[in-house]
Amino acid sequence: MPVTIGEAVKARVLELCHKKGLTINRLSIVSGITQSTVNNFISGRNHSITLSTLKKLCDGMEITIPEFFSSELFEDLEQEVR
């Protein structure tokens, strides 16, 4: 089932947090991102994040950006330009 990039990124963040035993609160602390920014994205109030925020999240999870995108979640993204 196709999903948007925002939905796939959110799912991947949650997947990696679960895998690494991180809460969203802890992720915000280790990433240096405000808890409200992370919560707004995870809750769906914001549907996208900047690449620099994603880089900080990856740094906090101690992974690279290529590792982040190395997931089946990103294989069937819907076309966002119509």
PDB file of N, CA and C in Angstrom:
ATOM      1  N   MET A   1       0.849  -1.188   0.000  1.00  0.00           N
ATOM      2  CA  MET A   1       0.000   0.000   0.000  1.00  0.00           C
ATOM      3  C   MET A   1       0.889   1.245   0.000  1.00  0.00           C
ATOM      4  N   PRO A   2       0.724   2.130  -0.989  1.00  0.00           N
ATOM      5  CA  PRO A   2       1.571   3.320  -1.052  1.00  0.00           C
ATOM      6  C   PRO A   2       1.311   4.270   0.115  1.00  0.00           C
ATOM      7  N   VAL A   3       2.366   4.899   0.566  1.00  0.00           N
ATOM      8  CA  VAL A   3       2.278   5.881   1.642  1.00  0.00           C
ATOM      9  C   VAL A   3       3.057   7.121   1.231  1.00  0.00           C
ATOM     10  N   THR A   4       2.848   8.210   1.967  1.00  0.00           N
ATOM     11  CA  THR A   4       3.616   9.428   1.690  1.00  0.00           C
ATOM     12  C   THR A   4       4.984   9.317   2.359  1.00  0.00           C
ATOM     13  N   ILE A   5       5.899  10.156   1.943  1.00  0.00           N
ATOM     14  CA  ILE A   5       7.230  10.170   2.550  1.00  0.00           C
ATOM     15  C   ILE A   5       7.133  10.502   4.037  1.00  0.00           C
ATOM     16  N   GLY A   6       6.252  11.436   4.407  1.00  0.00           N
ATOM     17  CA  GLY A   6       6.087  11.790   5.821  1.00  0.00           C
ATOM     18  C   GLY A   6       5.630  10.609   6.659  1.00  0.00           C
ATOM     19  N   GLU A   7       4.672   9.840   6.137  1.00  0.00           N
ATOM     20  CA  GLU A   7       4.187   8.655   6.855  1.00  0.00           C
ATOM     21  C   GLU A   7       5.292   7.614   6.991  1.00  0.00           C
ATOM     22  N   ALA A   8       6.070   7.436   5.929  1.00  0.00           N
ATOM     23  CA  ALA A   8       7.162   6.459   5.956  1.00  0.00           C
ATOM     24  C   ALA A   8       8.251   6.884   6.939  1.00  0.00           C
ATOM     25  N   VAL A   9       8.595   8.168   6.964  1.00  0.00           N
ATOM     26  CA  VAL A   9       9.618   8.666   7.897  1.00  0.00           C
ATOM     27  C   VAL A   9       9.136   8.487   9.334  1.00  0.00           C
ATOM     28  N   LYS A  10       7.893   8.841   9.598  1.00  0.00           N
ATOM     29  CA  LYS A  10       7.328   8.670  10.943  1.00  0.00           C
ATOM     30  C   LYS A  10       7.375   7.202  11.366  1.00  0.00           C
ATOM     31  N   ALA A  11       6.960   6.304  10.486  1.00  0.00           N
ATOM     32  CA  ALA A  11       6.975   4.867  10.795  1.00  0.00           C
ATOM     33  C   ALA A  11       8.398   4.383  11.058  1.00  0.00           C
ATOM     34  N   ARG A  12       9.350   4.887  10.276  1.00  0.00           N
ATOM     35  CA  ARG A  12      10.752   4.470  10.446  1.00  0.00           C
ATOM     36  C   ARG A  12      11.317   4.979  11.772  1.00  0.00           C
ATOM     37  N   VAL A  13      10.994   6.214  12.141  1.00  0.00           N
ATOM     38  CA  VAL A  13      11.456   6.755  13.429  1.00  0.00           C
ATOM     39  C   VAL A  13      10.912   5.884  14.562  1.00  0.00           C
ATOM     40  N   LEU A  14       9.623   5.574  14.514  1.00  0.00           N
ATOM     41  CA  LEU A  14       9.016   4.747  15.561  1.00  0.00           C
ATOM     42  C   LEU A  14       9.621   3.341  15.590  1.00  0.00           C
ATOM     43  N   GLU A  15       9.862   2.775  14.409  1.00  0.00           N
ATOM     44  CA  GLU A  15      10.477   1.451  14.305  1.00  0.00           C
ATOM     45  C   GLU A  15      11.873   1.442  14.942  1.00  0.00           C
ATOM     46  N   LEU A  16      12.668   2.446  14.612  1.00  0.00           N
ATOM     47  CA  LEU A  16      14.032   2.509  15.145  1.00  0.00           C
ATOM     48  C   LEU A  16      14.045   2.788  16.647  1.00  0.00           C
ATOM     49  N   CYS A  17      13.136   3.630  17.119  1.00  0.00           N
ATOM     50  CA  CYS A  17      13.046   3.881  18.562  1.00  0.00           C
ATOM     51  C   CYS A  17      12.738   2.583  19.294  1.00  0.00           C
ATOM     52  N   HIS A  18      11.789   1.833  18.764  1.00  0.00           N
ATOM     53  CA  HIS A  18      11.430   0.547  19.379  1.00  0.00           C
ATOM     54  C   HIS A  18      12.633  -0.396  19.385  1.00  0.00           C
ATOM     55  N   LYS A  19      13.302  -0.467  18.250  1.00  0.00           N
ATOM     56  CA  LYS A  19      14.475  -1.349  18.099  1.00  0.00           C
ATOM     57  C   LYS A  19      15.602  -0.969  19.066  1.00  0.00           C
ATOM     58  N   LYS A  20      15.777   0.330  19.294  1.00  0.00           N
ATOM     59  CA  LYS A  20      16.867   0.817  20.139  1.00  0.00           C
ATOM     60  C   LYS A  20      16.442   1.081  21.581  1.00  0.00           C
ATOM     61  N   GLY A  21      15.175   0.812  21.898  1.00  0.00           N
ATOM     62  CA  GLY A  21      14.692   1.006  23.265  1.00  0.00           C
ATOM     63  C   GLY A  21      14.611   2.467  23.677  1.00  0.00           C
ATOM     64  N   LEU A  22      14.328   3.342  22.713  1.00  0.00           N
ATOM     65  CA  LEU A  22      14.234   4.774  22.993  1.00  0.00           C
ATOM     66  C   LEU A  22      12.780   5.217  23.034  1.00  0.00           C
ATOM     67  N   THR A  23      12.433   6.029  24.014  1.00  0.00           N
ATOM     68  CA  THR A  23      11.133   6.694  23.998  1.00  0.00           C
ATOM     69  C   THR A  23      11.265   7.931  23.122  1.00  0.00           C
ATOM     70  N   ILE A  24      10.137   8.495  22.720  1.00  0.00           N
ATOM     71  CA  ILE A  24      10.167   9.727  21.936  1.00  0.00           C
ATOM     72  C   ILE A  24      10.814  10.847  22.750  1.00  0.00           C
ATOM     73  N   ASN A  25      10.531  10.893  24.036  1.00  0.00           N
ATOM     74  CA  ASN A  25      11.141  11.900  24.910  1.00  0.00           C
ATOM     75  C   ASN A  25      12.661  11.740  24.934  1.00  0.00           C
ATOM     76  N   ARG A  26      13.127  10.521  25.101  1.00  0.00           N
ATOM     77  CA  ARG A  26      14.577  10.267  25.132  1.00  0.00           C
ATOM     78  C   ARG A  26      15.211  10.609  23.781  1.00  0.00           C
ATOM     79  N   LEU A  27      14.522  10.263  22.697  1.00  0.00           N
ATOM     80  CA  LEU A  27      15.033  10.587  21.362  1.00  0.00           C
ATOM     81  C   LEU A  27      15.212  12.096  21.211  1.00  0.00           C
ATOM     82  N   SER A  28      14.253  12.864  21.687  1.00  0.00           N
ATOM     83  CA  SER A  28      14.386  14.325  21.571  1.00  0.00           C
ATOM     84  C   SER A  28      15.590  14.824  22.362  1.00  0.00           C
ATOM     85  N   ILE A  29      15.827  14.245  23.525  1.00  0.00           N
ATOM     86  CA  ILE A  29      16.966  14.659  24.358  1.00  0.00           C
ATOM     87  C   ILE A  29      18.294  14.335  23.675  1.00  0.00           C
ATOM     88  N   VAL A  30      18.453  13.079  23.227  1.00  0.00           N
ATOM     89  CA  VAL A  30      19.741  12.679  22.629  1.00  0.00           C
ATOM     90  C   VAL A  30      19.961  13.308  21.258  1.00  0.00           C
ATOM     91  N   SER A  31      18.881  13.778  20.628  1.00  0.00           N
ATOM     92  CA  SER A  31      18.998  14.408  19.309  1.00  0.00           C
ATOM     93  C   SER A  31      19.160  15.918  19.393  1.00  0.00           C
ATOM     94  N   GLY A  32      18.861  16.486  20.554  1.00  0.00           N
ATOM     95  CA  GLY A  32      18.942  17.936  20.692  1.00  0.00           C
ATOM     96  C   GLY A  32      17.805  18.652  19.986  1.00  0.00           C
ATOM     97  N   ILE A  33      16.672  17.982  19.868  1.00  0.00           N
ATOM     98  CA  ILE A  33      15.490  18.559  19.222  1.00  0.00           C
ATOM     99  C   ILE A  33      14.426  18.720  20.299  1.00  0.00           C
ATOM    100  N   THR A  34      13.684  19.806  20.256  1.00  0.00           N
ATOM    101  CA  THR A  34      12.666  19.984  21.291  1.00  0.00           C
ATOM    102  C   THR A  34      11.649  18.852  21.233  1.00  0.00           C
ATOM    103  N   GLN A  35      11.160  18.494  22.416  1.00  0.00           N
ATOM    104  CA  GLN A  35      10.184  17.419  22.502  1.00  0.00           C
ATOM    105  C   GLN A  35       8.929  17.770  21.704  1.00  0.00           C
ATOM    106  N   SER A  36       8.544  19.049  21.709  1.00  0.00           N
ATOM    107  CA  SER A  36       7.340  19.440  20.964  1.00  0.00           C
ATOM    108  C   SER A  36       7.513  19.226  19.464  1.00  0.00           C
ATOM    109  N   THR A  37       8.702  19.475  18.935  1.00  0.00           N
ATOM    110  CA  THR A  37       8.957  19.253  17.506  1.00  0.00           C
ATOM    111  C   THR A  37       8.795  17.779  17.168  1.00  0.00           C
ATOM    112  N   VAL A  38       9.407  16.913  17.974  1.00  0.00           N
ATOM    113  CA  VAL A  38       9.310  15.473  17.723  1.00  0.00           C
ATOM    114  C   VAL A  38       7.865  15.008  17.912  1.00  0.00           C
ATOM    115  N   ASN A  39       7.226  15.440  18.987  1.00  0.00           N
ATOM    116  CA  ASN A  39       5.839  15.038  19.242  1.00  0.00           C
ATOM    117  C   ASN A  39       4.894  15.504  18.142  1.00  0.00           C
ATOM    118  N   ASN A  40       5.073  16.727  17.661  1.00  0.00           N
ATOM    119  CA  ASN A  40       4.205  17.245  16.592  1.00  0.00           C
ATOM    120  C   ASN A  40       4.330  16.416  15.320  1.00  0.00           C
ATOM    121  N   PHE A  41       5.530  15.950  15.019  1.00  0.00           N
ATOM    122  CA  PHE A  41       5.720  15.116  13.837  1.00  0.00           C
ATOM    123  C   PHE A  41       5.119  13.726  14.052  1.00  0.00           C
ATOM    124  N   ILE A  42       5.421  13.117  15.189  1.00  0.00           N
ATOM    125  CA  ILE A  42       4.939  11.759  15.468  1.00  0.00           C
ATOM    126  C   ILE A  42       3.415  11.724  15.578  1.00  0.00           C
ATOM    127  N   SER A  43       2.822  12.755  16.158  1.00  0.00           N
ATOM    128  CA  SER A  43       1.367  12.783  16.333  1.00  0.00           C
ATOM    129  C   SER A  43       0.626  13.130  15.049  1.00  0.00           C
ATOM    130  N   GLY A  44       1.340  13.650  14.054  1.00  0.00           N
ATOM    131  CA  GLY A  44       0.703  14.000  12.793  1.00  0.00           C
ATOM    132  C   GLY A  44       0.309  15.463  12.670  1.00  0.00           C
ATOM    133  N   ARG A  45       0.584  16.263  13.698  1.00  0.00           N
ATOM    134  CA  ARG A  45       0.287  17.704  13.586  1.00  0.00           C
ATOM    135  C   ARG A  45       1.155  18.343  12.506  1.00  0.00           C
ATOM    136  N   ASN A  46       2.387  17.885  12.397  1.00  0.00           N
ATOM    137  CA  ASN A  46       3.266  18.268  11.282  1.00  0.00           C
ATOM    138  C   ASN A  46       3.435  17.018  10.428  1.00  0.00           C
ATOM    139  N   HIS A  47       3.315  17.173   9.114  1.00  0.00           N
ATOM    140  CA  HIS A  47       3.386  16.009   8.227  1.00  0.00           C
ATOM    141  C   HIS A  47       4.763  15.806   7.611  1.00  0.00           C
ATOM    142  N   SER A  48       5.684  16.694   7.929  1.00  0.00           N
ATOM    143  CA  SER A  48       7.039  16.544   7.386  1.00  0.00           C
ATOM    144  C   SER A  48       8.044  17.162   8.357  1.00  0.00           C
ATOM    145  N   ILE A  49       9.292  16.777   8.176  1.00  0.00           N
ATOM    146  CA  ILE A  49      10.384  17.368   8.950  1.00  0.00           C
ATOM    147  C   ILE A  49      11.480  17.769   7.979  1.00  0.00           C
ATOM    148  N   THR A  50      12.341  18.663   8.411  1.00  0.00           N
ATOM    149  CA  THR A  50      13.441  19.087   7.545  1.00  0.00           C
ATOM    150  C   THR A  50      14.528  18.013   7.533  1.00  0.00           C
ATOM    151  N   LEU A  51      15.357  18.090   6.514  1.00  0.00           N
ATOM    152  CA  LEU A  51      16.476  17.152   6.428  1.00  0.00           C
ATOM    153  C   LEU A  51      17.439  17.358   7.589  1.00  0.00           C
ATOM    154  N   SER A  52      17.609  18.592   8.032  1.00  0.00           N
ATOM    155  CA  SER A  52      18.521  18.834   9.157  1.00  0.00           C
ATOM    156  C   SER A  52      17.956  18.235  10.445  1.00  0.00           C
ATOM    157  N   THR A  53      16.632  18.263  10.627  1.00  0.00           N
ATOM    158  CA  THR A  53      16.020  17.612  11.791  1.00  0.00           C
ATOM    159  C   THR A  53      16.188  16.105  11.693  1.00  0.00           C
ATOM    160  N   LEU A  54      15.990  15.557  10.496  1.00  0.00           N
ATOM    161  CA  LEU A  54      16.177  14.115  10.304  1.00  0.00           C
ATOM    162  C   LEU A  54      17.615  13.713  10.608  1.00  0.00           C
ATOM    163  N   LYS A  55      18.580  14.541  10.194  1.00  0.00           N
ATOM    164  CA  LYS A  55      19.999  14.259  10.474  1.00  0.00           C
ATOM    165  C   LYS A  55      20.246  14.235  11.979  1.00  0.00           C
ATOM    166  N   LYS A  56      19.647  15.174  12.722  1.00  0.00           N
ATOM    167  CA  LYS A  56      19.799  15.189  14.179  1.00  0.00           C
ATOM    168  C   LYS A  56      19.177  13.946  14.812  1.00  0.00           C
ATOM    169  N   LEU A  57      18.011  13.536  14.308  1.00  0.00           N
ATOM    170  CA  LEU A  57      17.388  12.308  14.822  1.00  0.00           C
ATOM    171  C   LEU A  57      18.290  11.098  14.564  1.00  0.00           C
ATOM    172  N   CYS A  58      18.854  11.026  13.360  1.00  0.00           N
ATOM    173  CA  CYS A  58      19.765   9.926  13.032  1.00  0.00           C
ATOM    174  C   CYS A  58      20.992   9.952  13.942  1.00  0.00           C
ATOM    175  N   ASP A  59      21.551  11.135  14.169  1.00  0.00           N
ATOM    176  CA  ASP A  59      22.698  11.256  15.069  1.00  0.00           C
ATOM    177  C   ASP A  59      22.331  10.769  16.471  1.00  0.00           C
ATOM    178  N   GLY A  60      21.145  11.143  16.932  1.00  0.00           N
ATOM    179  CA  GLY A  60      20.693  10.714  18.252  1.00  0.00           C
ATOM    180  C   GLY A  60      20.505   9.208  18.348  1.00  0.00           C
ATOM    181  N   MET A  61      20.102   8.592  17.231  1.00  0.00           N
ATOM    182  CA  MET A  61      19.926   7.132  17.206  1.00  0.00           C
ATOM    183  C   MET A  61      21.212   6.408  16.820  1.00  0.00           C
ATOM    184  N   GLU A  62      22.266   7.201  16.568  1.00  0.00           N
ATOM    185  CA  GLU A  62      23.582   6.683  16.199  1.00  0.00           C
ATOM    186  C   GLU A  62      23.535   5.845  14.925  1.00  0.00           C
ATOM    187  N   ILE A  63      22.839   6.403  13.917  1.00  0.00           N
ATOM    188  CA  ILE A  63      22.799   5.788  12.597  1.00  0.00           C
ATOM    189  C   ILE A  63      23.046   6.872  11.553  1.00  0.00           C
ATOM    190  N   THR A  64      23.348   6.445  10.329  1.00  0.00           N
ATOM    191  CA  THR A  64      23.547   7.391   9.231  1.00  0.00           C
ATOM    192  C   THR A  64      22.221   7.605   8.502  1.00  0.00           C
ATOM    193  N   ILE A  65      22.170   8.639   7.698  1.00  0.00           N
ATOM    194  CA  ILE A  65      20.973   8.873   6.886  1.00  0.00           C
ATOM    195  C   ILE A  65      20.739   7.709   5.919  1.00  0.00           C
ATOM    196  N   PRO A  66      21.790   7.185   5.243  1.00  0.00           N
ATOM    197  CA  PRO A  66      21.541   6.010   4.386  1.00  0.00           C
ATOM    198  C   PRO A  66      20.978   4.814   5.172  1.00  0.00           C
ATOM    199  N   GLU A  67      21.446   4.610   6.393  1.00  0.00           N
ATOM    200  CA  GLU A  67      20.892   3.531   7.217  1.00  0.00           C
ATOM    201  C   GLU A  67      19.416   3.791   7.514  1.00  0.00           C
ATOM    202  N   PHE A  68      19.077   5.055   7.768  1.00  0.00           N
ATOM    203  CA  PHE A  68      17.682   5.397   8.059  1.00  0.00           C
ATOM    204  C   PHE A  68      16.789   5.007   6.885  1.00  0.00           C
ATOM    205  N   PHE A  69      17.214   5.345   5.672  1.00  0.00           N
ATOM    206  CA  PHE A  69      16.390   5.085   4.496  1.00  0.00           C
ATOM    207  C   PHE A  69      16.515   3.659   3.963  1.00  0.00           C
ATOM    208  N   SER A  70      17.365   2.862   4.582  1.00  0.00           N
ATOM    209  CA  SER A  70      17.521   1.462   4.187  1.00  0.00           C
ATOM    210  C   SER A  70      16.406   0.635   4.824  1.00  0.00           C
ATOM    211  N   SER A  71      15.206   0.764   4.276  1.00  0.00           N
ATOM    212  CA  SER A  71      14.021   0.107   4.819  1.00  0.00           C
ATOM    213  C   SER A  71      13.001  -0.081   3.707  1.00  0.00           C
ATOM    214  N   GLU A  72      12.252  -1.156   3.780  1.00  0.00           N
ATOM    215  CA  GLU A  72      11.193  -1.408   2.806  1.00  0.00           C
ATOM    216  C   GLU A  72      10.110  -0.326   2.857  1.00  0.00           C
ATOM    217  N   LEU A  73      10.037   0.405   3.961  1.00  0.00           N
ATOM    218  CA  LEU A  73       9.040   1.471   4.087  1.00  0.00           C
ATOM    219  C   LEU A  73       9.150   2.502   2.960  1.00  0.00           C
ATOM    220  N   PHE A  74      10.337   2.649   2.389  1.00  0.00           N
ATOM    221  CA  PHE A  74      10.570   3.683   1.387  1.00  0.00           C
ATOM    222  C   PHE A  74      10.493   3.164  -0.048  1.00  0.00           C
ATOM    223  N   GLU A  75      10.082   1.909  -0.224  1.00  0.00           N
ATOM    224  CA  GLU A  75      10.059   1.319  -1.567  1.00  0.00           C
ATOM    225  C   GLU A  75       8.797   1.631  -2.355  1.00  0.00           C
ATOM    226  N   ASP A  76       7.669   1.829  -1.706  1.00  0.00           N
ATOM    227  CA  ASP A  76       6.397   2.040  -2.424  1.00  0.00           C
ATOM    228  C   ASP A  76       5.759   3.382  -2.086  1.00  0.00           C
ATOM    229  N   LEU A  77       6.546   4.428  -2.089  1.00  0.00           N
ATOM    230  CA  LEU A  77       6.013   5.758  -1.770  1.00  0.00           C
ATOM    231  C   LEU A  77       5.114   6.247  -2.898  1.00  0.00           C
ATOM    232  N   GLU A  78       4.040   6.952  -2.512  1.00  0.00           N
ATOM    233  CA  GLU A  78       3.178   7.500  -3.554  1.00  0.00           C
ATOM    234  C   GLU A  78       3.839   8.709  -4.192  1.00  0.00           C
ATOM    235  N   GLN A  79       3.479   8.950  -5.422  1.00  0.00           N
ATOM    236  CA  GLN A  79       3.944  10.136  -6.142  1.00  0.00           C
ATOM    237  C   GLN A  79       3.292  11.348  -5.467  1.00  0.00           C
ATOM    238  N   GLU A  80       4.090  12.289  -4.995  1.00  0.00           N
ATOM    239  CA  GLU A  80       3.533  13.436  -4.272  1.00  0.00           C
ATOM    240  C   GLU A  80       3.321  14.647  -5.169  1.00  0.00           C
ATOM    241  N   VAL A  81       3.823  14.599  -6.386  1.00  0.00           N
ATOM    242  CA  VAL A  81       3.577  15.674  -7.338  1.00  0.00           C
ATOM    243  C   VAL A  81       2.609  15.130  -8.374  1.00  0.00           C
ATOM    244  N   ARG A  82       1.474  15.793  -8.500  1.00  0.00           N
ATOM    245  CA  ARG A  82       0.446  15.309  -9.432  1.00  0.00           C
ATOM    246  C   ARG A  82       0.188  16.337 -10.509  1.00  0.00           C
TER     247      ARG A  82
END
